[in-house]
Protein backbone atom coordinates (compact mmCIF):
# COMPACT_ATOMS: atom_id res chain seq x y z
CA MET A 1 -29.89 49.82 -36.19
CA LYS A 2 -31.51 50.96 -32.30
CA CYS A 3 -29.29 51.43 -29.90
CA GLY A 4 -28.29 48.47 -27.69
CA ALA A 5 -28.84 46.02 -30.29
CA LYS A 6 -27.02 42.56 -31.33
CA CYS A 7 -27.50 40.54 -33.50
CA PHE A 8 -29.65 37.44 -33.08
CA LEU A 9 -29.89 33.65 -35.16
CA VAL A 10 -33.14 32.67 -35.68
CA GLU A 11 -34.11 29.28 -36.69
CA MET A 12 -37.50 29.01 -37.97
CA GLU A 13 -39.72 26.58 -39.94
CA VAL A 14 -41.61 27.91 -42.47
CA ASN A 15 -43.92 26.29 -44.86
CA GLY A 16 -42.43 23.27 -43.80
CA VAL A 17 -38.60 24.21 -44.50
CA VAL A 18 -36.32 25.37 -41.64
CA GLU A 19 -34.03 28.86 -42.28
CA VAL A 20 -31.93 30.24 -40.10
CA ILE A 21 -31.53 34.08 -40.69
CA ALA A 22 -29.57 36.81 -38.99
CA VAL A 23 -31.39 39.64 -36.90
CA ASN A 24 -30.51 42.84 -35.63
CA ALA A 25 -32.30 43.72 -32.44
CA ARG A 26 -32.32 44.48 -28.86
CA SER A 27 -33.27 41.08 -27.43
CA PRO A 28 -34.45 37.74 -28.50
CA ILE A 29 -38.06 38.49 -27.49
CA GLU A 30 -37.97 41.18 -30.05
CA ALA A 31 -35.94 39.49 -32.51
CA ARG A 32 -39.26 36.82 -32.66
CA LYS A 33 -41.69 40.11 -33.40
CA THR A 34 -39.48 40.91 -35.83
CA ILE A 35 -39.78 37.34 -37.45
CA ARG A 36 -43.38 37.14 -37.14
CA LEU A 37 -43.94 40.78 -38.82
CA GLU A 38 -41.87 39.71 -42.00
CA TYR A 39 -42.99 36.07 -42.36
CA GLY A 40 -46.21 36.15 -40.72
CA LYS A 41 -48.07 34.61 -37.80
CA GLU A 42 -48.47 31.35 -38.62
CA THR A 43 -44.32 31.03 -38.98
CA LYS A 44 -42.71 28.80 -35.99
CA VAL A 45 -39.82 30.06 -34.63
CA LEU A 46 -37.51 27.18 -33.58
CA THR A 47 -34.81 28.72 -31.64
CA VAL A 48 -33.04 32.63 -31.20
CA THR A 49 -29.18 32.31 -30.27
CA PRO A 50 -26.89 35.69 -30.04
CA GLU A 51 -24.19 35.77 -32.87
CA LYS A 52 -20.54 34.74 -31.63
CA SER A 53 -18.10 36.98 -33.08
């Protein structure tokens, strides 16, 4: 885990199925980049919200 990282909940659509995944990242932009690297560029990211503890 990187310094200053937080947990973000990413709601995304993959092959017509909506999924919510927790991602550790420094910013919402970095969370989106992480999802696109793992699932491919055709993945549609719907929302990125900080996880509330």
